[in-house]
Amino acid sequence: MPLLSDAQVQERLGALPGWSQTGKGIRKEYQLRDFVAAMGFVQQVALLAQRADHHPDMEIRWNQVVLTLWTHSEGGLTERDFRLAAQIDRVT
């Protein structure tokens, strides 16, 4: 899958509130109600990621979950990252 240009990345970020470009990827922080809600969210993300065969980097701090997406095999951002980001946003 080809890498997206900077213009394409910015265009796609416009449709994903809260996501921002960071290094080679895109990142978003989610604030959940509590630890149990955060873990439930992580489980939902894990199921989506497994189905897509595209796995985000995850950081969990009590009720905060930080996700970073980028296509490791391509060394940057592709359509896969933005498709998964949109799917993740629909579960929150």
C-alpha atoms as a PDB file:
ATOM      1  CA  MET A   1       0.000   0.000   0.000  1.00  0.00           C
ATOM      2  CA  PRO A   2       1.531   3.361  -0.982  1.00  0.00           C
ATOM      3  CA  LEU A   3       2.447   6.041   1.526  1.00  0.00           C
ATOM      4  CA  LEU A   4       0.206   9.102   1.629  1.00  0.00           C
ATOM      5  CA  SER A   5       1.566  12.541   0.778  1.00  0.00           C
ATOM      6  CA  ASP A   6       1.596  15.261   3.428  1.00  0.00           C
ATOM      7  CA  ALA A   7      -1.391  16.895   1.723  1.00  0.00           C
ATOM      8  CA  GLN A   8      -3.328  13.619   1.747  1.00  0.00           C
ATOM      9  CA  VAL A   9      -2.511  13.092   5.425  1.00  0.00           C
ATOM     10  CA  GLN A  10      -3.738  16.572   6.338  1.00  0.00           C
ATOM     11  CA  GLU A  11      -6.925  16.084   4.306  1.00  0.00           C
ATOM     12  CA  ARG A  12      -7.709  12.808   6.072  1.00  0.00           C
ATOM     13  CA  LEU A  13      -6.908  14.243   9.499  1.00  0.00           C
ATOM     14  CA  GLY A  14      -9.566  16.888   8.839  1.00  0.00           C
ATOM     15  CA  ALA A  15     -12.176  14.120   8.952  1.00  0.00           C
ATOM     16  CA  LEU A  16     -10.835  12.632  12.220  1.00  0.00           C
ATOM     17  CA  PRO A  17     -11.317  15.037  15.147  1.00  0.00           C
ATOM     18  CA  GLY A  18      -8.710  14.671  17.869  1.00  0.00           C
ATOM     19  CA  TRP A  19      -6.166  12.808  15.751  1.00  0.00           C
ATOM     20  CA  SER A  20      -2.861  14.539  14.997  1.00  0.00           C
ATOM     21  CA  GLN A  21       0.244  13.695  13.063  1.00  0.00           C
ATOM     22  CA  THR A  22       3.236  12.720  15.146  1.00  0.00           C
ATOM     23  CA  GLY A  23       6.453  11.536  13.547  1.00  0.00           C
ATOM     24  CA  LYS A  24       5.589   8.745  11.128  1.00  0.00           C
ATOM     25  CA  GLY A  25       2.111   8.193  12.539  1.00  0.00           C
ATOM     26  CA  ILE A  26      -1.147   9.619  13.773  1.00  0.00           C
ATOM     27  CA  ARG A  27      -2.043   9.771  17.447  1.00  0.00           C
ATOM     28  CA  LYS A  28      -5.083  10.303  19.629  1.00  0.00           C
ATOM     29  CA  GLU A  29      -5.669  10.372  23.371  1.00  0.00           C
ATOM     30  CA  TYR A  30      -8.936   9.026  24.750  1.00  0.00           C
ATOM     31  CA  GLN A  31     -10.209   9.846  28.247  1.00  0.00           C
ATOM     32  CA  LEU A  32     -12.543   7.182  29.564  1.00  0.00           C
ATOM     33  CA  ARG A  33     -14.703   7.084  32.688  1.00  0.00           C
ATOM     34  CA  ASP A  34     -12.338   4.867  34.709  1.00  0.00           C
ATOM     35  CA  PHE A  35      -9.861   2.006  34.429  1.00  0.00           C
ATOM     36  CA  VAL A  36     -12.500  -0.602  33.648  1.00  0.00           C
ATOM     37  CA  ALA A  37     -13.926   1.550  30.833  1.00  0.00           C
ATOM     38  CA  ALA A  38     -10.409   2.099  29.466  1.00  0.00           C
ATOM     39  CA  MET A  39      -9.740  -1.638  29.441  1.00  0.00           C
ATOM     40  CA  GLY A  40     -13.067  -2.298  27.713  1.00  0.00           C
ATOM     41  CA  PHE A  41     -12.176   0.274  25.059  1.00  0.00           C
ATOM     42  CA  VAL A  42      -8.753  -1.343  24.565  1.00  0.00           C
ATOM     43  CA  GLN A  43     -10.459  -4.714  24.091  1.00  0.00           C
ATOM     44  CA  GLN A  44     -12.733  -3.260  21.400  1.00  0.00           C
ATOM     45  CA  VAL A  45      -9.741  -1.684  19.656  1.00  0.00           C
ATOM     46  CA  ALA A  46      -7.883  -4.999  19.825  1.00  0.00           C
ATOM     47  CA  LEU A  47     -10.740  -6.803  18.089  1.00  0.00           C
ATOM     48  CA  LEU A  48     -10.936  -4.175  15.333  1.00  0.00           C
ATOM     49  CA  ALA A  49      -7.172  -4.237  14.881  1.00  0.00           C
ATOM     50  CA  GLN A  50      -7.054  -8.015  14.682  1.00  0.00           C
ATOM     51  CA  ARG A  51      -9.803  -8.086  12.036  1.00  0.00           C
ATOM     52  CA  ALA A  52      -7.918  -5.440  10.033  1.00  0.00           C
ATOM     53  CA  ASP A  53      -4.549  -7.155  10.626  1.00  0.00           C
ATOM     54  CA  HIS A  54      -3.285  -3.695  11.539  1.00  0.00           C
ATOM     55  CA  HIS A  55      -2.207  -3.133  15.123  1.00  0.00           C
ATOM     56  CA  PRO A  56      -1.815   0.263  16.836  1.00  0.00           C
ATOM     57  CA  ASP A  57       0.712   1.125  19.489  1.00  0.00           C
ATOM     58  CA  MET A  58      -1.201   1.532  22.767  1.00  0.00           C
ATOM     59  CA  GLU A  59      -0.418   3.264  26.044  1.00  0.00           C
ATOM     60  CA  ILE A  60      -2.775   2.838  28.991  1.00  0.00           C
ATOM     61  CA  ARG A  61      -2.773   5.049  32.093  1.00  0.00           C
ATOM     62  CA  TRP A  62      -5.714   4.373  34.409  1.00  0.00           C
ATOM     63  CA  ASN A  63      -8.521   6.057  32.406  1.00  0.00           C
ATOM     64  CA  GLN A  64      -6.405   7.375  29.522  1.00  0.00           C
ATOM     65  CA  VAL A  65      -5.635   5.418  26.362  1.00  0.00           C
ATOM     66  CA  VAL A  66      -3.222   6.786  23.769  1.00  0.00           C
ATOM     67  CA  LEU A  67      -3.224   5.176  20.335  1.00  0.00           C
ATOM     68  CA  THR A  68      -0.633   5.661  17.609  1.00  0.00           C
ATOM     69  CA  LEU A  69      -1.167   4.273  14.129  1.00  0.00           C
ATOM     70  CA  TRP A  70       1.260   3.940  11.255  1.00  0.00           C
ATOM     71  CA  THR A  71       1.974   1.260   8.706  1.00  0.00           C
ATOM     72  CA  HIS A  72       5.231  -0.227   9.921  1.00  0.00           C
ATOM     73  CA  SER A  73       5.810  -2.255   6.748  1.00  0.00           C
ATOM     74  CA  GLU A  74       5.650   0.922   4.634  1.00  0.00           C
ATOM     75  CA  GLY A  75       7.456   3.189   7.090  1.00  0.00           C
ATOM     76  CA  GLY A  76       4.690   5.785   7.347  1.00  0.00           C
ATOM     77  CA  LEU A  77       1.022   6.544   6.856  1.00  0.00           C
ATOM     78  CA  THR A  78      -1.258   4.711   4.447  1.00  0.00           C
ATOM     79  CA  GLU A  79      -5.005   4.436   3.926  1.00  0.00           C
ATOM     80  CA  ARG A  80      -5.031   1.524   6.397  1.00  0.00           C
ATOM     81  CA  ASP A  81      -4.183   3.864   9.253  1.00  0.00           C
ATOM     82  CA  PHE A  82      -7.038   6.229   8.537  1.00  0.00           C
ATOM     83  CA  ARG A  83      -9.559   3.435   7.980  1.00  0.00           C
ATOM     84  CA  LEU A  84      -8.700   1.911  11.347  1.00  0.00           C
ATOM     85  CA  ALA A  85      -8.716   5.308  13.084  1.00  0.00           C
ATOM     86  CA  ALA A  86     -12.251   5.951  11.800  1.00  0.00           C
ATOM     87  CA  GLN A  87     -13.401   2.505  12.989  1.00  0.00           C
ATOM     88  CA  ILE A  88     -11.874   3.118  16.422  1.00  0.00           C
ATOM     89  CA  ASP A  89     -13.626   6.474  16.747  1.00  0.00           C
ATOM     90  CA  ARG A  90     -16.988   4.784  16.105  1.00  0.00           C
ATOM     91  CA  VAL A  91     -16.616   2.609  19.242  1.00  0.00           C
ATOM     92  CA  THR A  92     -16.133   5.547  21.631  1.00  0.00           C
END
